Amino acid sequence: MQTPEPDPLSSLLRQWPDLEPGPTFEQDVLRRLRLEATRPAAAGLWVWLPTWLGSPWRLAWSVVLPLTLALLVGIVSNHVMPVAGTHATTAYGSFSVLEPGTVAGDYLAMMEAH
């Protein structure tokens, strides 16, 4: 007749002399493990987002970067394809990206010359 193999959890608990688990400790642990195994794994943005936003710096960057990107897209889109009659000029001059003297304006002039 074979002797049963020692339970790894029981042998680990015996190594801690001052620890006295309750009478149903092992059953409770095994029940919790079974419950966790049957629980469906959560996926998607709502699981990833709290983890990623856990740091205050990450939270700040998650607000600043989209706002900065939206501002830049708005500025560039108005300068590349301005709406009729909305060419922006200030005391410092024009904001047009395609004017002569700018990189894009000189490139367009060079391409038209060829």
C-alpha atoms as a PDB file:
ATOM      1  CA  MET A   1       0.000   0.000   0.000  1.00  0.00           C
ATOM      2  CA  GLN A   2       1.282   3.428  -0.928  1.00  0.00           C
ATOM      3  CA  THR A   3       1.586   6.215   1.573  1.00  0.00           C
ATOM      4  CA  PRO A   4      -0.036   9.464   0.461  1.00  0.00           C
ATOM      5  CA  GLU A   5       2.315  12.210  -0.657  1.00  0.00           C
ATOM      6  CA  PRO A   6       2.652  15.024   1.861  1.00  0.00           C
ATOM      7  CA  ASP A   7       0.533  18.059   1.093  1.00  0.00           C
ATOM      8  CA  PRO A   8       2.844  20.976   0.106  1.00  0.00           C
ATOM      9  CA  LEU A   9       0.656  23.531   1.887  1.00  0.00           C
ATOM     10  CA  SER A  10       0.691  21.576   5.139  1.00  0.00           C
ATOM     11  CA  SER A  11       4.454  21.103   5.025  1.00  0.00           C
ATOM     12  CA  LEU A  12       4.994  24.823   4.470  1.00  0.00           C
ATOM     13  CA  LEU A  13       2.677  25.712   7.316  1.00  0.00           C
ATOM     14  CA  ARG A  14       4.555  23.352   9.644  1.00  0.00           C
ATOM     15  CA  GLN A  15       7.775  25.315   8.936  1.00  0.00           C
ATOM     16  CA  TRP A  16       6.265  28.387  10.656  1.00  0.00           C
ATOM     17  CA  PRO A  17       6.221  27.472  14.343  1.00  0.00           C
ATOM     18  CA  ASP A  18       4.253  30.494  15.610  1.00  0.00           C
ATOM     19  CA  LEU A  19       1.493  30.230  13.036  1.00  0.00           C
ATOM     20  CA  GLU A  20      -1.685  28.466  14.019  1.00  0.00           C
ATOM     21  CA  PRO A  21      -4.154  28.449  11.114  1.00  0.00           C
ATOM     22  CA  GLY A  22      -7.827  27.883  11.727  1.00  0.00           C
ATOM     23  CA  PRO A  23      -9.321  24.412  11.288  1.00  0.00           C
ATOM     24  CA  THR A  24     -10.787  25.295   7.864  1.00  0.00           C
ATOM     25  CA  PHE A  25      -7.834  27.302   6.575  1.00  0.00           C
ATOM     26  CA  GLU A  26      -6.756  24.825   3.902  1.00  0.00           C
ATOM     27  CA  GLN A  27     -10.331  24.291   2.687  1.00  0.00           C
ATOM     28  CA  ASP A  28     -10.844  28.073   2.505  1.00  0.00           C
ATOM     29  CA  VAL A  29      -7.661  28.543   0.469  1.00  0.00           C
ATOM     30  CA  LEU A  30      -8.572  25.762  -1.938  1.00  0.00           C
ATOM     31  CA  ARG A  31     -12.133  27.111  -2.295  1.00  0.00           C
ATOM     32  CA  ARG A  32     -10.796  30.591  -3.110  1.00  0.00           C
ATOM     33  CA  LEU A  33      -8.416  29.113  -5.689  1.00  0.00           C
ATOM     34  CA  ARG A  34     -11.290  27.230  -7.346  1.00  0.00           C
ATOM     35  CA  LEU A  35     -13.429  30.382  -7.388  1.00  0.00           C
ATOM     36  CA  GLU A  36     -10.636  32.417  -8.968  1.00  0.00           C
ATOM     37  CA  ALA A  37     -10.061  29.711 -11.586  1.00  0.00           C
ATOM     38  CA  THR A  38     -13.732  29.757 -12.626  1.00  0.00           C
ATOM     39  CA  ARG A  39     -13.973  33.559 -12.666  1.00  0.00           C
ATOM     40  CA  PRO A  40     -13.803  34.919 -16.221  1.00  0.00           C
ATOM     41  CA  ALA A  41     -10.728  36.944 -16.975  1.00  0.00           C
ATOM     42  CA  ALA A  42     -11.536  40.613 -17.407  1.00  0.00           C
ATOM     43  CA  ALA A  43     -10.151  42.207 -20.524  1.00  0.00           C
ATOM     44  CA  GLY A  44     -10.265  45.474 -22.314  1.00  0.00           C
ATOM     45  CA  LEU A  45      -9.708  49.107 -21.543  1.00  0.00           C
ATOM     46  CA  TRP A  46     -11.465  49.124 -18.173  1.00  0.00           C
ATOM     47  CA  VAL A  47      -8.958  46.648 -16.782  1.00  0.00           C
ATOM     48  CA  TRP A  48      -5.880  48.273 -18.292  1.00  0.00           C
ATOM     49  CA  LEU A  49      -6.826  51.900 -17.620  1.00  0.00           C
ATOM     50  CA  PRO A  50      -6.826  51.906 -13.767  1.00  0.00           C
ATOM     51  CA  THR A  51      -3.521  50.059 -13.775  1.00  0.00           C
ATOM     52  CA  TRP A  52      -1.913  52.502 -16.182  1.00  0.00           C
ATOM     53  CA  LEU A  53      -3.370  55.584 -14.503  1.00  0.00           C
ATOM     54  CA  GLY A  54      -2.223  54.463 -11.062  1.00  0.00           C
ATOM     55  CA  SER A  55       0.640  56.946 -11.109  1.00  0.00           C
ATOM     56  CA  PRO A  56      -0.132  60.684 -10.793  1.00  0.00           C
ATOM     57  CA  TRP A  57       2.427  61.424 -13.509  1.00  0.00           C
ATOM     58  CA  ARG A  58       0.741  59.040 -15.902  1.00  0.00           C
ATOM     59  CA  LEU A  59      -2.603  60.622 -15.146  1.00  0.00           C
ATOM     60  CA  ALA A  60      -1.167  64.074 -15.867  1.00  0.00           C
ATOM     61  CA  TRP A  61       0.399  62.911 -19.137  1.00  0.00           C
ATOM     62  CA  SER A  62      -2.824  61.207 -20.185  1.00  0.00           C
ATOM     63  CA  VAL A  63      -4.533  64.606 -19.985  1.00  0.00           C
ATOM     64  CA  VAL A  64      -1.737  66.843 -21.286  1.00  0.00           C
ATOM     65  CA  LEU A  65      -0.723  64.806 -24.345  1.00  0.00           C
ATOM     66  CA  PRO A  66      -4.165  64.523 -25.998  1.00  0.00           C
ATOM     67  CA  LEU A  67      -4.871  68.200 -25.352  1.00  0.00           C
ATOM     68  CA  THR A  68      -1.512  69.210 -26.815  1.00  0.00           C
ATOM     69  CA  LEU A  69      -2.043  66.964 -29.812  1.00  0.00           C
ATOM     70  CA  ALA A  70      -5.521  68.380 -30.407  1.00  0.00           C
ATOM     71  CA  LEU A  71      -4.161  71.930 -30.183  1.00  0.00           C
ATOM     72  CA  LEU A  72      -1.354  71.201 -32.636  1.00  0.00           C
ATOM     73  CA  VAL A  73      -3.677  69.479 -35.098  1.00  0.00           C
ATOM     74  CA  GLY A  74      -6.039  72.449 -34.925  1.00  0.00           C
ATOM     75  CA  ILE A  75      -3.258  74.960 -35.526  1.00  0.00           C
ATOM     76  CA  VAL A  76      -1.576  73.021 -38.324  1.00  0.00           C
ATOM     77  CA  SER A  77      -4.811  72.140 -40.098  1.00  0.00           C
ATOM     78  CA  ASN A  78      -5.829  75.801 -40.172  1.00  0.00           C
ATOM     79  CA  HIS A  79      -2.438  76.837 -41.579  1.00  0.00           C
ATOM     80  CA  VAL A  80      -2.117  74.091 -44.163  1.00  0.00           C
ATOM     81  CA  MET A  81      -5.683  74.403 -45.436  1.00  0.00           C
ATOM     82  CA  PRO A  82      -7.076  77.672 -44.104  1.00  0.00           C
ATOM     83  CA  VAL A  83     -10.793  78.285 -44.284  1.00  0.00           C
ATOM     84  CA  ALA A  84     -11.671  80.974 -46.824  1.00  0.00           C
ATOM     85  CA  GLY A  85     -11.160  84.421 -45.360  1.00  0.00           C
ATOM     86  CA  THR A  86      -9.484  83.228 -42.173  1.00  0.00           C
ATOM     87  CA  HIS A  87      -5.817  83.750 -43.036  1.00  0.00           C
ATOM     88  CA  ALA A  88      -4.256  84.561 -39.676  1.00  0.00           C
ATOM     89  CA  THR A  89      -1.993  87.589 -39.474  1.00  0.00           C
ATOM     90  CA  THR A  90      -0.583  89.259 -36.403  1.00  0.00           C
ATOM     91  CA  ALA A  91       1.846  92.034 -35.615  1.00  0.00           C
ATOM     92  CA  TYR A  92       4.598  89.475 -36.166  1.00  0.00           C
ATOM     93  CA  GLY A  93       3.454  88.569 -39.661  1.00  0.00           C
ATOM     94  CA  SER A  94       1.535  85.775 -41.263  1.00  0.00           C
ATOM     95  CA  PHE A  95       1.123  82.268 -39.897  1.00  0.00           C
ATOM     96  CA  SER A  96       0.820  80.626 -43.308  1.00  0.00           C
ATOM     97  CA  VAL A  97       3.048  77.567 -43.592  1.00  0.00           C
ATOM     98  CA  LEU A  98       3.087  77.674 -47.394  1.00  0.00           C
ATOM     99  CA  GLU A  99       4.405  81.233 -47.852  1.00  0.00           C
ATOM    100  CA  PRO A 100       7.770  81.833 -49.533  1.00  0.00           C
ATOM    101  CA  GLY A 101      10.542  81.790 -46.971  1.00  0.00           C
ATOM    102  CA  THR A 102       9.149  78.835 -45.058  1.00  0.00           C
ATOM    103  CA  VAL A 103      10.418  75.290 -45.536  1.00  0.00           C
ATOM    104  CA  ALA A 104       7.127  74.100 -47.021  1.00  0.00           C
ATOM    105  CA  GLY A 105       6.738  77.235 -49.179  1.00  0.00           C
ATOM    106  CA  ASP A 106      10.272  76.967 -50.589  1.00  0.00           C
ATOM    107  CA  TYR A 107       9.758  73.257 -51.244  1.00  0.00           C
ATOM    108  CA  LEU A 108       6.556  73.964 -53.185  1.00  0.00           C
ATOM    109  CA  ALA A 109       8.316  76.684 -55.197  1.00  0.00           C
ATOM    110  CA  MET A 110      11.149  74.273 -55.990  1.00  0.00           C
ATOM    111  CA  MET A 111       8.719  71.553 -57.067  1.00  0.00           C
ATOM    112  CA  GLU A 112       6.804  73.980 -59.320  1.00  0.00           C
ATOM    113  CA  ALA A 113      10.074  75.045 -60.953  1.00  0.00           C
ATOM    114  CA  HIS A 114      10.830  71.484 -62.022  1.00  0.00           C
END
